[in-house]
Amino acid sequence: MRCSDPAPRSKFLCLAPSWRSSFSRGYVYNLTTSDVDTLQLFCQQLFSLVSAPLRVAVAMALLWAQLGASSVAALALLCLLMPLQVRSPAPSTDTSSKKC
């Protein structure tokens, strides 16, 4: 069996038996899938980080074409409001504490 198979469960089988005996298969599989999910989320956020300035630049170019110099006011307002865009926690959906 080759260890180049991309499935995490088969990679576990390529480890030395002495190492495998110290950890359960489910534990290693859980760690592997958690790392893969984290890497996937990182890639998505990295794409957003790179594409956001490009989207703003395209929007500003289109605004400049339509409005001219007054589009600078939109850019200034965008820059002033950026610090206020802090994510607030999601509202709780727990209904156990509410009275009927």
N, C-alpha and C. Protein backbone atom coordinates (compact mmCIF):
# COMPACT_ATOMS: atom_id res chain seq x y z
N MET A 1 0.84 -1.19 0.00
CA MET A 1 0.00 0.00 0.00
C MET A 1 0.88 1.24 0.00
N ARG A 2 0.60 2.15 -0.89
CA ARG A 2 1.36 3.39 -0.97
C ARG A 2 0.77 4.42 -0.03
N CYS A 3 1.60 5.30 0.50
CA CYS A 3 1.15 6.34 1.42
C CYS A 3 0.82 7.64 0.71
N SER A 4 0.66 7.61 -0.60
CA SER A 4 0.34 8.84 -1.33
C SER A 4 -1.16 8.99 -1.52
N ASP A 5 -1.96 8.10 -0.96
CA ASP A 5 -3.41 8.20 -1.06
C ASP A 5 -3.88 9.43 -0.29
N PRO A 6 -4.73 10.30 -0.88
CA PRO A 6 -5.11 11.54 -0.21
C PRO A 6 -6.08 11.35 0.95
N ALA A 7 -6.70 10.21 1.10
CA ALA A 7 -7.68 10.01 2.17
C ALA A 7 -6.97 9.90 3.51
N PRO A 8 -7.38 10.67 4.51
CA PRO A 8 -6.71 10.63 5.82
C PRO A 8 -6.77 9.26 6.48
N ARG A 9 -7.87 8.53 6.27
CA ARG A 9 -8.00 7.24 6.94
C ARG A 9 -6.97 6.24 6.43
N SER A 10 -6.57 6.34 5.16
CA SER A 10 -5.58 5.40 4.65
C SER A 10 -4.17 5.82 5.04
N LYS A 11 -3.96 7.10 5.27
CA LYS A 11 -2.64 7.55 5.74
C LYS A 11 -2.34 6.97 7.11
N PHE A 12 -3.37 6.83 7.91
CA PHE A 12 -3.18 6.28 9.25
C PHE A 12 -2.64 4.86 9.18
N LEU A 13 -3.00 4.14 8.14
CA LEU A 13 -2.56 2.76 8.00
C LEU A 13 -1.09 2.66 7.63
N CYS A 14 -0.49 3.74 7.15
CA CYS A 14 0.92 3.73 6.73
C CYS A 14 1.88 4.01 7.88
N LEU A 15 1.36 4.28 9.05
CA LEU A 15 2.22 4.58 10.20
C LEU A 15 2.75 3.30 10.82
N ALA A 16 3.83 3.43 11.55
CA ALA A 16 4.42 2.27 12.21
C ALA A 16 3.44 1.71 13.25
N PRO A 17 3.39 0.39 13.39
CA PRO A 17 2.45 -0.21 14.36
C PRO A 17 2.69 0.25 15.79
N SER A 18 3.93 0.52 16.16
CA SER A 18 4.20 0.98 17.53
C SER A 18 3.58 2.36 17.77
N TRP A 19 3.60 3.21 16.76
CA TRP A 19 2.99 4.53 16.92
C TRP A 19 1.48 4.42 16.88
N ARG A 20 0.97 3.57 16.01
CA ARG A 20 -0.48 3.41 15.88
C ARG A 20 -1.12 2.89 17.16
N SER A 21 -0.40 2.07 17.90
CA SER A 21 -0.98 1.49 19.11
C SER A 21 -1.17 2.52 20.22
N SER A 22 -0.46 3.64 20.16
CA SER A 22 -0.59 4.62 21.23
C SER A 22 -1.76 5.58 21.02
N PHE A 23 -2.31 5.64 19.81
CA PHE A 23 -3.44 6.51 19.52
C PHE A 23 -4.52 5.72 18.80
N SER A 24 -5.76 6.03 19.11
CA SER A 24 -6.85 5.35 18.42
C SER A 24 -6.99 5.91 17.01
N ARG A 25 -7.58 5.13 16.13
CA ARG A 25 -7.77 5.54 14.75
C ARG A 25 -8.70 6.76 14.68
N GLY A 26 -9.74 6.78 15.50
CA GLY A 26 -10.67 7.90 15.52
C GLY A 26 -10.01 9.20 15.96
N TYR A 27 -9.09 9.11 16.94
CA TYR A 27 -8.39 10.30 17.43
C TYR A 27 -7.54 10.93 16.32
N VAL A 28 -6.79 10.10 15.62
CA VAL A 28 -5.93 10.61 14.55
C VAL A 28 -6.78 11.14 13.40
N TYR A 29 -7.86 10.45 13.07
CA TYR A 29 -8.75 10.91 12.00
C TYR A 29 -9.38 12.25 12.37
N ASN A 30 -9.77 12.41 13.63
CA ASN A 30 -10.36 13.66 14.09
C ASN A 30 -9.36 14.81 13.99
N LEU A 31 -8.12 14.58 14.39
CA LEU A 31 -7.09 15.62 14.29
C LEU A 31 -6.83 15.99 12.83
N THR A 32 -6.78 14.99 11.97
CA THR A 32 -6.50 15.24 10.55
C THR A 32 -7.62 16.04 9.90
N THR A 33 -8.86 15.65 10.14
CA THR A 33 -9.97 16.37 9.51
C THR A 33 -10.09 17.78 10.08
N SER A 34 -9.76 17.96 11.35
CA SER A 34 -9.79 19.30 11.93
C SER A 34 -8.75 20.19 11.27
N ASP A 35 -7.57 19.65 11.02
CA ASP A 35 -6.52 20.42 10.34
C ASP A 35 -6.91 20.76 8.91
N VAL A 36 -7.55 19.83 8.23
CA VAL A 36 -7.98 20.07 6.85
C VAL A 36 -9.04 21.17 6.81
N ASP A 37 -9.97 21.14 7.76
CA ASP A 37 -11.00 22.18 7.82
C ASP A 37 -10.39 23.55 8.09
N THR A 38 -9.41 23.59 8.99
CA THR A 38 -8.74 24.85 9.30
C THR A 38 -8.00 25.39 8.07
N LEU A 39 -7.34 24.51 7.34
CA LEU A 39 -6.63 24.92 6.13
C LEU A 39 -7.60 25.43 5.07
N GLN A 40 -8.74 24.79 4.94
CA GLN A 40 -9.74 25.22 3.97
C GLN A 40 -10.28 26.61 4.33
N LEU A 41 -10.55 26.84 5.60
CA LEU A 41 -11.04 28.15 6.04
C LEU A 41 -9.99 29.22 5.81
N PHE A 42 -8.72 28.89 6.06
CA PHE A 42 -7.64 29.84 5.83
C PHE A 42 -7.56 30.24 4.35
N CYS A 43 -7.69 29.27 3.46
CA CYS A 43 -7.63 29.56 2.02
C CYS A 43 -8.78 30.46 1.59
N GLN A 44 -9.96 30.21 2.13
CA GLN A 44 -11.10 31.05 1.78
C GLN A 44 -10.91 32.47 2.28
N GLN A 45 -10.41 32.62 3.49
CA GLN A 45 -10.20 33.96 4.03
C GLN A 45 -9.06 34.68 3.33
N LEU A 46 -8.05 33.94 2.92
CA LEU A 46 -6.95 34.55 2.19
C LEU A 46 -7.44 35.09 0.85
N PHE A 47 -8.32 34.35 0.18
CA PHE A 47 -8.87 34.82 -1.09
C PHE A 47 -9.68 36.10 -0.86
N SER A 48 -10.46 36.16 0.22
CA SER A 48 -11.23 37.37 0.51
C SER A 48 -10.31 38.54 0.81
N LEU A 49 -9.23 38.28 1.51
CA LEU A 49 -8.28 39.33 1.85
C LEU A 49 -7.63 39.91 0.60
N VAL A 50 -7.36 39.06 -0.36
CA VAL A 50 -6.72 39.52 -1.60
C VAL A 50 -7.74 40.18 -2.52
N SER A 51 -8.95 39.64 -2.58
CA SER A 51 -9.92 40.15 -3.55
C SER A 51 -10.64 41.41 -3.08
N ALA A 52 -10.70 41.67 -1.79
CA ALA A 52 -11.43 42.84 -1.29
C ALA A 52 -10.87 44.16 -1.83
N PRO A 53 -9.56 44.40 -1.78
CA PRO A 53 -9.05 45.66 -2.35
C PRO A 53 -9.30 45.77 -3.85
N LEU A 54 -9.27 44.65 -4.56
CA LEU A 54 -9.55 44.68 -5.98
C LEU A 54 -11.00 45.06 -6.25
N ARG A 55 -11.92 44.53 -5.43
CA ARG A 55 -13.33 44.89 -5.59
C ARG A 55 -13.57 46.37 -5.30
N VAL A 56 -12.90 46.89 -4.27
CA VAL A 56 -13.03 48.31 -3.94
C VAL A 56 -12.47 49.16 -5.07
N ALA A 57 -11.35 48.75 -5.64
CA ALA A 57 -10.75 49.52 -6.73
C ALA A 57 -11.66 49.54 -7.97
N VAL A 58 -12.26 48.40 -8.29
CA VAL A 58 -13.17 48.36 -9.44
C VAL A 58 -14.40 49.22 -9.17
N ALA A 59 -14.93 49.13 -7.96
CA ALA A 59 -16.10 49.96 -7.63
C ALA A 59 -15.77 51.45 -7.70
N MET A 60 -14.60 51.82 -7.23
CA MET A 60 -14.20 53.23 -7.29
C MET A 60 -14.00 53.69 -8.73
N ALA A 61 -13.46 52.82 -9.58
CA ALA A 61 -13.28 53.19 -10.99
C ALA A 61 -14.64 53.39 -11.65
N LEU A 62 -15.59 52.53 -11.34
CA LEU A 62 -16.93 52.69 -11.91
C LEU A 62 -17.62 53.95 -11.37
N LEU A 63 -17.42 54.23 -10.07
CA LEU A 63 -17.98 55.46 -9.51
C LEU A 63 -17.35 56.69 -10.16
N TRP A 64 -16.03 56.64 -10.37
CA TRP A 64 -15.35 57.76 -11.00
C TRP A 64 -15.88 57.99 -12.40
N ALA A 65 -16.16 56.91 -13.10
CA ALA A 65 -16.68 57.04 -14.47
C ALA A 65 -18.07 57.67 -14.47
N GLN A 66 -18.87 57.37 -13.45
CA GLN A 66 -20.23 57.89 -13.41
C GLN A 66 -20.33 59.27 -12.75
N LEU A 67 -19.59 59.46 -11.64
CA LEU A 67 -19.76 60.68 -10.84
C LEU A 67 -18.62 61.68 -10.96
N GLY A 68 -17.48 61.22 -11.42
CA GLY A 68 -16.34 62.13 -11.52
C GLY A 68 -15.68 62.34 -10.16
N ALA A 69 -15.28 63.58 -9.91
CA ALA A 69 -14.52 63.90 -8.69
C ALA A 69 -15.33 63.72 -7.42
N SER A 70 -16.66 63.74 -7.51
CA SER A 70 -17.45 63.58 -6.28
C SER A 70 -17.39 62.14 -5.74
N SER A 71 -16.86 61.23 -6.51
CA SER A 71 -16.71 59.86 -6.00
C SER A 71 -15.63 59.78 -4.93
N VAL A 72 -14.79 60.80 -4.83
CA VAL A 72 -13.77 60.83 -3.77
C VAL A 72 -14.45 60.92 -2.40
N ALA A 73 -15.61 61.56 -2.35
CA ALA A 73 -16.36 61.63 -1.09
C ALA A 73 -16.80 60.24 -0.65
N ALA A 74 -17.17 59.40 -1.58
CA ALA A 74 -17.55 58.02 -1.25
C ALA A 74 -16.35 57.24 -0.72
N LEU A 75 -15.20 57.44 -1.32
CA LEU A 75 -13.99 56.78 -0.84
C LEU A 75 -13.61 57.27 0.55
N ALA A 76 -13.73 58.57 0.80
CA ALA A 76 -13.42 59.12 2.11
C ALA A 76 -14.38 58.56 3.17
N LEU A 77 -15.65 58.48 2.83
CA LEU A 77 -16.62 57.92 3.76
C LEU A 77 -16.34 56.45 4.03
N LEU A 78 -15.97 55.72 3.01
CA LEU A 78 -15.61 54.31 3.17
C LEU A 78 -14.43 54.14 4.11
N CYS A 79 -13.42 54.99 3.94
CA CYS A 79 -12.24 54.91 4.81
C CYS A 79 -12.56 55.32 6.24
N LEU A 80 -13.45 56.30 6.43
CA LEU A 80 -13.82 56.73 7.78
C LEU A 80 -14.64 55.68 8.52
N LEU A 81 -15.47 54.94 7.80
CA LEU A 81 -16.35 53.96 8.44
C LEU A 81 -15.72 52.58 8.59
N MET A 82 -14.54 52.38 8.03
CA MET A 82 -13.90 51.07 8.14
C MET A 82 -13.66 50.61 9.58
N PRO A 83 -13.19 51.48 10.49
CA PRO A 83 -12.99 51.01 11.87
C PRO A 83 -14.29 50.62 12.58
N LEU A 84 -15.42 51.11 12.11
CA LEU A 84 -16.69 50.79 12.76
C LEU A 84 -17.25 49.44 12.33
N GLN A 85 -16.62 48.81 11.36
CA GLN A 85 -17.13 47.54 10.85
C GLN A 85 -16.60 46.36 11.67
N VAL A 86 -16.86 46.41 12.95
CA VAL A 86 -16.44 45.33 13.84
C VAL A 86 -17.59 44.34 13.90
N ARG A 87 -17.24 43.08 13.77
CA ARG A 87 -18.28 42.05 13.79
C ARG A 87 -18.83 41.89 15.20
N SER A 88 -20.12 41.98 15.30
CA SER A 88 -20.75 41.75 16.59
C SER A 88 -21.10 40.28 16.71
N PRO A 89 -21.18 39.76 17.94
CA PRO A 89 -21.51 38.34 18.09
C PRO A 89 -22.92 38.06 17.57
N ALA A 90 -23.09 36.85 17.06
CA ALA A 90 -24.38 36.46 16.52
C ALA A 90 -25.42 36.41 17.63
N PRO A 91 -26.64 36.81 17.35
CA PRO A 91 -27.67 36.76 18.39
C PRO A 91 -27.95 35.31 18.80
N SER A 92 -28.22 35.14 20.06
CA SER A 92 -28.47 33.81 20.58
C SER A 92 -29.82 33.30 20.13
N THR A 93 -29.85 32.04 19.75
CA THR A 93 -31.11 31.41 19.34
C THR A 93 -31.63 30.48 20.42
N ASP A 94 -31.06 30.55 21.61
CA ASP A 94 -31.47 29.70 22.70
C ASP A 94 -32.83 30.18 23.24
N THR A 95 -33.82 29.33 23.18
CA THR A 95 -35.17 29.71 23.65
C THR A 95 -35.51 29.07 24.99
N SER A 96 -34.56 28.37 25.60
CA SER A 96 -34.86 27.68 26.86
C SER A 96 -35.05 28.66 28.03
N SER A 97 -34.45 29.85 27.95
CA SER A 97 -34.55 30.81 29.04
C SER A 97 -35.76 31.74 28.88
N LYS A 98 -36.42 31.69 27.73
CA LYS A 98 -37.57 32.57 27.51
C LYS A 98 -38.81 31.96 28.13
N LYS A 99 -39.63 32.83 28.69
CA LYS A 99 -40.90 32.37 29.28
C LYS A 99 -41.99 32.39 28.21
N CYS A 100 -42.90 31.43 28.32
CA CYS A 100 -44.00 31.34 27.34
C CYS A 100 -45.11 32.28 27.69
